[in-house]
Amino acid sequence: NSDVLCPDEVASACRRLKADGVGGILA
């Protein structure tokens, strides 16, 4: 929900989600 959302940071969060066993989310 940030007004300044960096695509690289979002990709990093998605990699962490995947490492935590998550295969899909709804942002």
mmCIF file of all heavy atoms, coordinates in Angstrom:
data_MODEL
# 
_entry.id   MODEL 
# 
loop_
_atom_site.group_PDB 
_atom_site.id 
_atom_site.type_symbol 
_atom_site.label_atom_id 
_atom_site.label_alt_id 
_atom_site.label_comp_id 
_atom_site.label_asym_id 
_atom_site.label_entity_id 
_atom_site.label_seq_id 
_atom_site.pdbx_PDB_ins_code 
_atom_site.Cartn_x 
_atom_site.Cartn_y 
_atom_site.Cartn_z 
_atom_site.occupancy 
_atom_site.B_iso_or_equiv 
_atom_site.pdbx_formal_charge 
_atom_site.auth_seq_id 
_atom_site.auth_comp_id 
_atom_site.auth_asym_id 
_atom_site.auth_atom_id 
_atom_site.pdbx_PDB_model_num 
ATOM 1   N N   . ASN A 1 1  ? 0.812  -1.218  0.000   1.00 0.00 ? 1  ASN A N   1 
ATOM 2   C CA  . ASN A 1 1  ? 0.000  0.000   0.000   1.00 0.00 ? 1  ASN A CA  1 
ATOM 3   C C   . ASN A 1 1  ? 0.842  1.264   0.000   1.00 0.00 ? 1  ASN A C   1 
ATOM 4   O O   . ASN A 1 1  ? 0.329  2.366   0.223   1.00 0.00 ? 1  ASN A O   1 
ATOM 5   C CB  . ASN A 1 1  ? -0.934 0.009   1.215   1.00 0.00 ? 1  ASN A CB  1 
ATOM 6   C CG  . ASN A 1 1  ? -2.101 -0.950  1.063   1.00 0.00 ? 1  ASN A CG  1 
ATOM 7   O OD1 . ASN A 1 1  ? -3.198 -0.559  0.703   1.00 0.00 ? 1  ASN A OD1 1 
ATOM 8   N ND2 . ASN A 1 1  ? -1.859 -2.222  1.342   1.00 0.00 ? 1  ASN A ND2 1 
ATOM 9   N N   . SER A 1 2  ? 2.118  1.128   -0.279  1.00 0.00 ? 2  SER A N   1 
ATOM 10  C CA  . SER A 1 2  ? 3.001  2.285   -0.321  1.00 0.00 ? 2  SER A CA  1 
ATOM 11  C C   . SER A 1 2  ? 2.714  3.158   -1.536  1.00 0.00 ? 2  SER A C   1 
ATOM 12  O O   . SER A 1 2  ? 2.342  2.662   -2.599  1.00 0.00 ? 2  SER A O   1 
ATOM 13  C CB  . SER A 1 2  ? 4.461  1.819   -0.360  1.00 0.00 ? 2  SER A CB  1 
ATOM 14  O OG  . SER A 1 2  ? 5.336  2.912   -0.569  1.00 0.00 ? 2  SER A OG  1 
ATOM 15  N N   . ASP A 1 3  ? 2.901  4.453   -1.356  1.00 0.00 ? 3  ASP A N   1 
ATOM 16  C CA  . ASP A 1 3  ? 2.779  5.367   -2.496  1.00 0.00 ? 3  ASP A CA  1 
ATOM 17  C C   . ASP A 1 3  ? 4.006  5.306   -3.403  1.00 0.00 ? 3  ASP A C   1 
ATOM 18  O O   . ASP A 1 3  ? 3.967  5.799   -4.528  1.00 0.00 ? 3  ASP A O   1 
ATOM 19  C CB  . ASP A 1 3  ? 2.578  6.799   -2.001  1.00 0.00 ? 3  ASP A CB  1 
ATOM 20  C CG  . ASP A 1 3  ? 1.174  7.026   -1.455  1.00 0.00 ? 3  ASP A CG  1 
ATOM 21  O OD1 . ASP A 1 3  ? 0.219  6.464   -2.026  1.00 0.00 ? 3  ASP A OD1 1 
ATOM 22  O OD2 . ASP A 1 3  ? 1.042  7.749   -0.450  1.00 0.00 ? 3  ASP A OD2 1 
ATOM 23  N N   . VAL A 1 4  ? 5.081  4.725   -2.903  1.00 0.00 ? 4  VAL A N   1 
ATOM 24  C CA  . VAL A 1 4  ? 6.297  4.553   -3.707  1.00 0.00 ? 4  VAL A CA  1 
ATOM 25  C C   . VAL A 1 4  ? 6.662  3.070   -3.648  1.00 0.00 ? 4  VAL A C   1 
ATOM 26  O O   . VAL A 1 4  ? 7.371  2.614   -2.765  1.00 0.00 ? 4  VAL A O   1 
ATOM 27  C CB  . VAL A 1 4  ? 7.459  5.418   -3.176  1.00 0.00 ? 4  VAL A CB  1 
ATOM 28  C CG1 . VAL A 1 4  ? 8.675  5.264   -4.082  1.00 0.00 ? 4  VAL A CG1 1 
ATOM 29  C CG2 . VAL A 1 4  ? 7.050  6.880   -3.079  1.00 0.00 ? 4  VAL A CG2 1 
ATOM 30  N N   . LEU A 1 5  ? 6.156  2.320   -4.613  1.00 0.00 ? 5  LEU A N   1 
ATOM 31  C CA  . LEU A 1 5  ? 6.332  0.868   -4.620  1.00 0.00 ? 5  LEU A CA  1 
ATOM 32  C C   . LEU A 1 5  ? 7.399  0.492   -5.631  1.00 0.00 ? 5  LEU A C   1 
ATOM 33  O O   . LEU A 1 5  ? 7.228  0.682   -6.833  1.00 0.00 ? 5  LEU A O   1 
ATOM 34  C CB  . LEU A 1 5  ? 5.005  0.192   -4.961  1.00 0.00 ? 5  LEU A CB  1 
ATOM 35  C CG  . LEU A 1 5  ? 4.895  -1.311  -4.715  1.00 0.00 ? 5  LEU A CG  1 
ATOM 36  C CD1 . LEU A 1 5  ? 5.105  -1.640  -3.241  1.00 0.00 ? 5  LEU A CD1 1 
ATOM 37  C CD2 . LEU A 1 5  ? 3.530  -1.815  -5.180  1.00 0.00 ? 5  LEU A CD2 1 
ATOM 38  N N   . CYS A 1 6  ? 8.511  -0.040  -5.131  1.00 0.00 ? 6  CYS A N   1 
ATOM 39  C CA  . CYS A 1 6  ? 9.640  -0.397  -5.982  1.00 0.00 ? 6  CYS A CA  1 
ATOM 40  C C   . CYS A 1 6  ? 9.464  -1.831  -6.495  1.00 0.00 ? 6  CYS A C   1 
ATOM 41  O O   . CYS A 1 6  ? 9.363  -2.763  -5.686  1.00 0.00 ? 6  CYS A O   1 
ATOM 42  C CB  . CYS A 1 6  ? 10.943 -0.271  -5.202  1.00 0.00 ? 6  CYS A CB  1 
ATOM 43  S SG  . CYS A 1 6  ? 12.387 -0.897  -6.066  1.00 0.00 ? 6  CYS A SG  1 
ATOM 44  N N   . PRO A 1 7  ? 9.436  -2.048  -7.813  1.00 0.00 ? 7  PRO A N   1 
ATOM 45  C CA  . PRO A 1 7  ? 9.259  -3.400  -8.349  1.00 0.00 ? 7  PRO A CA  1 
ATOM 46  C C   . PRO A 1 7  ? 10.296 -4.395  -7.845  1.00 0.00 ? 7  PRO A C   1 
ATOM 47  O O   . PRO A 1 7  ? 9.965  -5.559  -7.595  1.00 0.00 ? 7  PRO A O   1 
ATOM 48  C CB  . PRO A 1 7  ? 9.370  -3.196  -9.859  1.00 0.00 ? 7  PRO A CB  1 
ATOM 49  C CG  . PRO A 1 7  ? 8.897  -1.789  -10.079 1.00 0.00 ? 7  PRO A CG  1 
ATOM 50  C CD  . PRO A 1 7  ? 9.409  -1.025  -8.888  1.00 0.00 ? 7  PRO A CD  1 
ATOM 51  N N   . ASP A 1 8  ? 11.536 -3.955  -7.668  1.00 0.00 ? 8  ASP A N   1 
ATOM 52  C CA  . ASP A 1 8  ? 12.572 -4.869  -7.177  1.00 0.00 ? 8  ASP A CA  1 
ATOM 53  C C   . ASP A 1 8  ? 12.287 -5.307  -5.746  1.00 0.00 ? 8  ASP A C   1 
ATOM 54  O O   . ASP A 1 8  ? 12.532 -6.472  -5.375  1.00 0.00 ? 8  ASP A O   1 
ATOM 55  C CB  . ASP A 1 8  ? 13.948 -4.211  -7.253  1.00 0.00 ? 8  ASP A CB  1 
ATOM 56  C CG  . ASP A 1 8  ? 14.456 -4.077  -8.688  1.00 0.00 ? 8  ASP A CG  1 
ATOM 57  O OD1 . ASP A 1 8  ? 13.910 -4.768  -9.573  1.00 0.00 ? 8  ASP A OD1 1 
ATOM 58  O OD2 . ASP A 1 8  ? 15.384 -3.286  -8.912  1.00 0.00 ? 8  ASP A OD2 1 
ATOM 59  N N   . GLU A 1 9  ? 11.772 -4.389  -4.932  1.00 0.00 ? 9  GLU A N   1 
ATOM 60  C CA  . GLU A 1 9  ? 11.437 -4.747  -3.556  1.00 0.00 ? 9  GLU A CA  1 
ATOM 61  C C   . GLU A 1 9  ? 10.245 -5.703  -3.517  1.00 0.00 ? 9  GLU A C   1 
ATOM 62  O O   . GLU A 1 9  ? 10.213 -6.632  -2.701  1.00 0.00 ? 9  GLU A O   1 
ATOM 63  C CB  . GLU A 1 9  ? 11.141 -3.483  -2.751  1.00 0.00 ? 9  GLU A CB  1 
ATOM 64  C CG  . GLU A 1 9  ? 12.377 -2.614  -2.508  1.00 0.00 ? 9  GLU A CG  1 
ATOM 65  C CD  . GLU A 1 9  ? 12.055 -1.358  -1.724  1.00 0.00 ? 9  GLU A CD  1 
ATOM 66  O OE1 . GLU A 1 9  ? 10.845 -1.066  -1.542  1.00 0.00 ? 9  GLU A OE1 1 
ATOM 67  O OE2 . GLU A 1 9  ? 12.992 -0.667  -1.298  1.00 0.00 ? 9  GLU A OE2 1 
ATOM 68  N N   . VAL A 1 10 ? 9.270  -5.476  -4.393  1.00 0.00 ? 10 VAL A N   1 
ATOM 69  C CA  . VAL A 1 10 ? 8.129  -6.386  -4.462  1.00 0.00 ? 10 VAL A CA  1 
ATOM 70  C C   . VAL A 1 10 ? 8.599  -7.778  -4.884  1.00 0.00 ? 10 VAL A C   1 
ATOM 71  O O   . VAL A 1 10 ? 8.159  -8.795  -4.334  1.00 0.00 ? 10 VAL A O   1 
ATOM 72  C CB  . VAL A 1 10 ? 7.061  -5.855  -5.429  1.00 0.00 ? 10 VAL A CB  1 
ATOM 73  C CG1 . VAL A 1 10 ? 5.911  -6.866  -5.573  1.00 0.00 ? 10 VAL A CG1 1 
ATOM 74  C CG2 . VAL A 1 10 ? 6.521  -4.513  -4.937  1.00 0.00 ? 10 VAL A CG2 1 
ATOM 75  N N   . ALA A 1 11 ? 9.515  -7.835  -5.848  1.00 0.00 ? 11 ALA A N   1 
ATOM 76  C CA  . ALA A 1 11 ? 10.055 -9.127  -6.278  1.00 0.00 ? 11 ALA A CA  1 
ATOM 77  C C   . ALA A 1 11 ? 10.772 -9.822  -5.126  1.00 0.00 ? 11 ALA A C   1 
ATOM 78  O O   . ALA A 1 11 ? 10.668 -11.048 -4.956  1.00 0.00 ? 11 ALA A O   1 
ATOM 79  C CB  . ALA A 1 11 ? 11.005 -8.927  -7.455  1.00 0.00 ? 11 ALA A CB  1 
ATOM 80  N N   . SER A 1 12 ? 11.495 -9.052  -4.313  1.00 0.00 ? 12 SER A N   1 
ATOM 81  C CA  . SER A 1 12 ? 12.180 -9.625  -3.158  1.00 0.00 ? 12 SER A CA  1 
ATOM 82  C C   . SER A 1 12 ? 11.179 -10.197 -2.161  1.00 0.00 ? 12 SER A C   1 
ATOM 83  O O   . SER A 1 12 ? 11.372 -11.301 -1.621  1.00 0.00 ? 12 SER A O   1 
ATOM 84  C CB  . SER A 1 12 ? 13.036 -8.549  -2.479  1.00 0.00 ? 12 SER A CB  1 
ATOM 85  O OG  . SER A 1 12 ? 13.640 -9.047  -1.292  1.00 0.00 ? 12 SER A OG  1 
ATOM 86  N N   . ALA A 1 13 ? 10.088 -9.465  -1.907  1.00 0.00 ? 13 ALA A N   1 
ATOM 87  C CA  . ALA A 1 13 ? 9.048  -9.970  -1.008  1.00 0.00 ? 13 ALA A CA  1 
ATOM 88  C C   . ALA A 1 13 ? 8.428  -11.247 -1.552  1.00 0.00 ? 13 ALA A C   1 
ATOM 89  O O   . ALA A 1 13 ? 8.143  -12.186 -0.802  1.00 0.00 ? 13 ALA A O   1 
ATOM 90  C CB  . ALA A 1 13 ? 7.975  -8.901  -0.806  1.00 0.00 ? 13 ALA A CB  1 
ATOM 91  N N   . CYS A 1 14 ? 8.261  -11.304 -2.873  1.00 0.00 ? 14 CYS A N   1 
ATOM 92  C CA  . CYS A 1 14 ? 7.678  -12.504 -3.489  1.00 0.00 ? 14 CYS A CA  1 
ATOM 93  C C   . CYS A 1 14 ? 8.617  -13.700 -3.377  1.00 0.00 ? 14 CYS A C   1 
ATOM 94  O O   . CYS A 1 14 ? 8.175  -14.838 -3.192  1.00 0.00 ? 14 CYS A O   1 
ATOM 95  C CB  . CYS A 1 14 ? 7.323  -12.222 -4.948  1.00 0.00 ? 14 CYS A CB  1 
ATOM 96  S SG  . CYS A 1 14 ? 5.898  -11.123 -5.139  1.00 0.00 ? 14 CYS A SG  1 
ATOM 97  N N   . ARG A 1 15 ? 9.909  -13.446 -3.469  1.00 0.00 ? 15 ARG A N   1 
ATOM 98  C CA  . ARG A 1 15 ? 10.878 -14.538 -3.279  1.00 0.00 ? 15 ARG A CA  1 
ATOM 99  C C   . ARG A 1 15 ? 10.811 -15.057 -1.850  1.00 0.00 ? 15 ARG A C   1 
ATOM 100 O O   . ARG A 1 15 ? 10.910 -16.269 -1.614  1.00 0.00 ? 15 ARG A O   1 
ATOM 101 C CB  . ARG A 1 15 ? 12.293 -14.064 -3.626  1.00 0.00 ? 15 ARG A CB  1 
ATOM 102 C CG  . ARG A 1 15 ? 12.547 -13.934 -5.124  1.00 0.00 ? 15 ARG A CG  1 
ATOM 103 C CD  . ARG A 1 15 ? 14.019 -13.751 -5.431  1.00 0.00 ? 15 ARG A CD  1 
ATOM 104 N NE  . ARG A 1 15 ? 14.514 -12.453 -5.009  1.00 0.00 ? 15 ARG A NE  1 
ATOM 105 C CZ  . ARG A 1 15 ? 14.480 -11.348 -5.741  1.00 0.00 ? 15 ARG A CZ  1 
ATOM 106 N NH1 . ARG A 1 15 ? 13.944 -11.390 -6.970  1.00 0.00 ? 15 ARG A NH1 1 
ATOM 107 N NH2 . ARG A 1 15 ? 14.947 -10.209 -5.290  1.00 0.00 ? 15 ARG A NH2 1 
ATOM 108 N N   . ARG A 1 16 ? 10.647 -14.166 -0.878  1.00 0.00 ? 16 ARG A N   1 
ATOM 109 C CA  . ARG A 1 16 ? 10.528 -14.585 0.515   1.00 0.00 ? 16 ARG A CA  1 
ATOM 110 C C   . ARG A 1 16 ? 9.242  -15.374 0.717   1.00 0.00 ? 16 ARG A C   1 
ATOM 111 O O   . ARG A 1 16 ? 9.231  -16.402 1.428   1.00 0.00 ? 16 ARG A O   1 
ATOM 112 C CB  . ARG A 1 16 ? 10.568 -13.366 1.446   1.00 0.00 ? 16 ARG A CB  1 
ATOM 113 C CG  . ARG A 1 16 ? 10.308 -13.682 2.905   1.00 0.00 ? 16 ARG A CG  1 
ATOM 114 C CD  . ARG A 1 16 ? 11.391 -14.584 3.527   1.00 0.00 ? 16 ARG A CD  1 
ATOM 115 N NE  . ARG A 1 16 ? 10.998 -15.018 4.859   1.00 0.00 ? 16 ARG A NE  1 
ATOM 116 C CZ  . ARG A 1 16 ? 11.221 -14.314 5.980   1.00 0.00 ? 16 ARG A CZ  1 
ATOM 117 N NH1 . ARG A 1 16 ? 11.826 -13.124 5.909   1.00 0.00 ? 16 ARG A NH1 1 
ATOM 118 N NH2 . ARG A 1 16 ? 10.851 -14.779 7.144   1.00 0.00 ? 16 ARG A NH2 1 
ATOM 119 N N   . LEU A 1 17 ? 8.149  -14.938 0.103   1.00 0.00 ? 17 LEU A N   1 
ATOM 120 C CA  . LEU A 1 17 ? 6.908  -15.696 0.184   1.00 0.00 ? 17 LEU A CA  1 
ATOM 121 C C   . LEU A 1 17 ? 7.093  -17.108 -0.363  1.00 0.00 ? 17 LEU A C   1 
ATOM 122 O O   . LEU A 1 17 ? 6.653  -18.084 0.245   1.00 0.00 ? 17 LEU A O   1 
ATOM 123 C CB  . LEU A 1 17 ? 5.802  -14.974 -0.595  1.00 0.00 ? 17 LEU A CB  1 
ATOM 124 C CG  . LEU A 1 17 ? 5.123  -13.795 0.111   1.00 0.00 ? 17 LEU A CG  1 
ATOM 125 C CD1 . LEU A 1 17 ? 4.470  -12.873 -0.906  1.00 0.00 ? 17 LEU A CD1 1 
ATOM 126 C CD2 . LEU A 1 17 ? 4.096  -14.302 1.117   1.00 0.00 ? 17 LEU A CD2 1 
ATOM 127 N N   . LYS A 1 18 ? 7.754  -17.213 -1.496  1.00 0.00 ? 18 LYS A N   1 
ATOM 128 C CA  . LYS A 1 18 ? 7.993  -18.527 -2.094  1.00 0.00 ? 18 LYS A CA  1 
ATOM 129 C C   . LYS A 1 18 ? 8.846  -19.393 -1.175  1.00 0.00 ? 18 LYS A C   1 
ATOM 130 O O   . LYS A 1 18 ? 8.580  -20.596 -1.013  1.00 0.00 ? 18 LYS A O   1 
ATOM 131 C CB  . LYS A 1 18 ? 8.663  -18.364 -3.452  1.00 0.00 ? 18 LYS A CB  1 
ATOM 132 C CG  . LYS A 1 18 ? 8.827  -19.681 -4.213  1.00 0.00 ? 18 LYS A CG  1 
ATOM 133 C CD  . LYS A 1 18 ? 9.382  -19.437 -5.605  1.00 0.00 ? 18 LYS A CD  1 
ATOM 134 C CE  . LYS A 1 18 ? 9.491  -20.753 -6.386  1.00 0.00 ? 18 LYS A CE  1 
ATOM 135 N NZ  . LYS A 1 18 ? 10.002 -20.522 -7.770  1.00 0.00 ? 18 LYS A NZ  1 
ATOM 136 N N   . ALA A 1 19 ? 9.856  -18.789 -0.559  1.00 0.00 ? 19 ALA A N   1 
ATOM 137 C CA  . ALA A 1 19 ? 10.706 -19.533 0.370   1.00 0.00 ? 19 ALA A CA  1 
ATOM 138 C C   . ALA A 1 19 ? 9.912  -20.009 1.585   1.00 0.00 ? 19 ALA A C   1 
ATOM 139 O O   . ALA A 1 19 ? 10.252 -21.033 2.193   1.00 0.00 ? 19 ALA A O   1 
ATOM 140 C CB  . ALA A 1 19 ? 11.874 -18.657 0.822   1.00 0.00 ? 19 ALA A CB  1 
ATOM 141 N N   . ASP A 1 20 ? 8.844  -19.281 1.922   1.00 0.00 ? 20 ASP A N   1 
ATOM 142 C CA  . ASP A 1 20 ? 7.981  -19.667 3.039   1.00 0.00 ? 20 ASP A CA  1 
ATOM 143 C C   . ASP A 1 20 ? 6.878  -20.624 2.612   1.00 0.00 ? 20 ASP A C   1 
ATOM 144 O O   . ASP A 1 20 ? 5.928  -20.860 3.378   1.00 0.00 ? 20 ASP A O   1 
ATOM 145 C CB  . ASP A 1 20 ? 7.376  -18.418 3.693   1.00 0.00 ? 20 ASP A CB  1 
ATOM 146 C CG  . ASP A 1 20 ? 8.388  -17.669 4.555   1.00 0.00 ? 20 ASP A CG  1 
ATOM 147 O OD1 . ASP A 1 20 ? 9.420  -18.269 4.925   1.00 0.00 ? 20 ASP A OD1 1 
ATOM 148 O OD2 . ASP A 1 20 ? 8.154  -16.488 4.866   1.00 0.00 ? 20 ASP A OD2 1 
ATOM 149 N N   . GLY A 1 21 ? 6.981  -21.155 1.414   1.00 0.00 ? 21 GLY A N   1 
ATOM 150 C CA  . GLY A 1 21 ? 6.044  -22.182 0.969   1.00 0.00 ? 21 GLY A CA  1 
ATOM 151 C C   . GLY A 1 21 ? 4.772  -21.672 0.345   1.00 0.00 ? 21 GLY A C   1 
ATOM 152 O O   . GLY A 1 21 ? 3.820  -22.438 0.139   1.00 0.00 ? 21 GLY A O   1 
ATOM 153 N N   . VAL A 1 22 ? 4.722  -20.379 0.018   1.00 0.00 ? 22 VAL A N   1 
ATOM 154 C CA  . VAL A 1 22 ? 3.524  -19.785 -0.572  1.00 0.00 ? 22 VAL A CA  1 
ATOM 155 C C   . VAL A 1 22 ? 3.644  -19.823 -2.095  1.00 0.00 ? 22 VAL A C   1 
ATOM 156 O O   . VAL A 1 22 ? 4.674  -19.447 -2.659  1.00 0.00 ? 22 VAL A O   1 
ATOM 157 C CB  . VAL A 1 22 ? 3.332  -18.330 -0.089  1.00 0.00 ? 22 VAL A CB  1 
ATOM 158 C CG1 . VAL A 1 22 ? 2.079  -17.720 -0.715  1.00 0.00 ? 22 VAL A CG1 1 
ATOM 159 C CG2 . VAL A 1 22 ? 3.250  -18.281 1.439   1.00 0.00 ? 22 VAL A CG2 1 
ATOM 160 N N   . GLY A 1 23 ? 2.580  -20.279 -2.751  1.00 0.00 ? 23 GLY A N   1 
ATOM 161 C CA  . GLY A 1 23 ? 2.600  -20.364 -4.200  1.00 0.00 ? 23 GLY A CA  1 
ATOM 162 C C   . GLY A 1 23 ? 1.837  -19.267 -4.901  1.00 0.00 ? 23 GLY A C   1 
ATOM 163 O O   . GLY A 1 23 ? 1.992  -19.057 -6.104  1.00 0.00 ? 23 GLY A O   1 
ATOM 164 N N   . GLY A 1 24 ? 0.989  -18.550 -4.160  1.00 0.00 ? 24 GLY A N   1 
ATOM 165 C CA  . GLY A 1 24 ? 0.204  -17.482 -4.758  1.00 0.00 ? 24 GLY A CA  1 
ATOM 166 C C   . GLY A 1 24 ? -0.468 -16.644 -3.698  1.00 0.00 ? 24 GLY A C   1 
ATOM 167 O O   . GLY A 1 24 ? -0.806 -17.130 -2.616  1.00 0.00 ? 24 GLY A O   1 
ATOM 168 N N   . ILE A 1 25 ? -0.653 -15.356 -4.014  1.00 0.00 ? 25 ILE A N   1 
ATOM 169 C CA  . ILE A 1 25 ? -1.317 -14.433 -3.092  1.00 0.00 ? 25 ILE A CA  1 
ATOM 170 C C   . ILE A 1 25 ? -2.228 -13.505 -3.877  1.00 0.00 ? 25 ILE A C   1 
ATOM 171 O O   . ILE A 1 25 ? -2.110 -13.370 -5.103  1.00 0.00 ? 25 ILE A O   1 
ATOM 172 C CB  . ILE A 1 25 ? -0.315 -13.570 -2.292  1.00 0.00 ? 25 ILE A CB  1 
ATOM 173 C CG1 . ILE A 1 25 ? 0.435  -12.611 -3.236  1.00 0.00 ? 25 ILE A CG1 1 
ATOM 174 C CG2 . ILE A 1 25 ? 0.651  -14.428 -1.492  1.00 0.00 ? 25 ILE A CG2 1 
ATOM 175 C CD1 . ILE A 1 25 ? 1.175  -11.487 -2.524  1.00 0.00 ? 25 ILE A CD1 1 
ATOM 176 N N   . LEU A 1 26 ? -3.115 -12.849 -3.144  1.00 0.00 ? 26 LEU A N   1 
ATOM 177 C CA  . LEU A 1 26 ? -3.796 -11.674 -3.651  1.00 0.00 ? 26 LEU A CA  1 
ATOM 178 C C   . LEU A 1 26 ? -3.228 -10.472 -2.913  1.00 0.00 ? 26 LEU A C   1 
ATOM 179 O O   . LEU A 1 26 ? -3.349 -10.380 -1.679  1.00 0.00 ? 26 LEU A O   1 
ATOM 180 C CB  . LEU A 1 26 ? -5.305 -11.760 -3.424  1.00 0.00 ? 26 LEU A CB  1 
ATOM 181 C CG  . LEU A 1 26 ? -6.060 -12.898 -4.116  1.00 0.00 ? 26 LEU A CG  1 
ATOM 182 C CD1 . LEU A 1 26 ? -7.561 -12.705 -3.970  1.00 0.00 ? 26 LEU A CD1 1 
ATOM 183 C CD2 . LEU A 1 26 ? -5.668 -13.039 -5.578  1.00 0.00 ? 26 LEU A CD2 1 
ATOM 184 N N   . ALA A 1 27 ? -2.554 -9.592  -3.643  1.00 0.00 ? 27 ALA A N   1 
ATOM 185 C CA  . ALA A 1 27 ? -2.070 -8.353  -3.042  1.00 0.00 ? 27 ALA A CA  1 
ATOM 186 C C   . ALA A 1 27 ? -3.273 -7.519  -2.635  1.00 0.00 ? 27 ALA A C   1 
ATOM 187 O O   . ALA A 1 27 ? -4.198 -7.326  -3.430  1.00 0.00 ? 27 ALA A O   1 
ATOM 188 C CB  . ALA A 1 27 ? -1.204 -7.590  -4.040  1.00 0.00 ? 27 ALA A CB  1 
# 
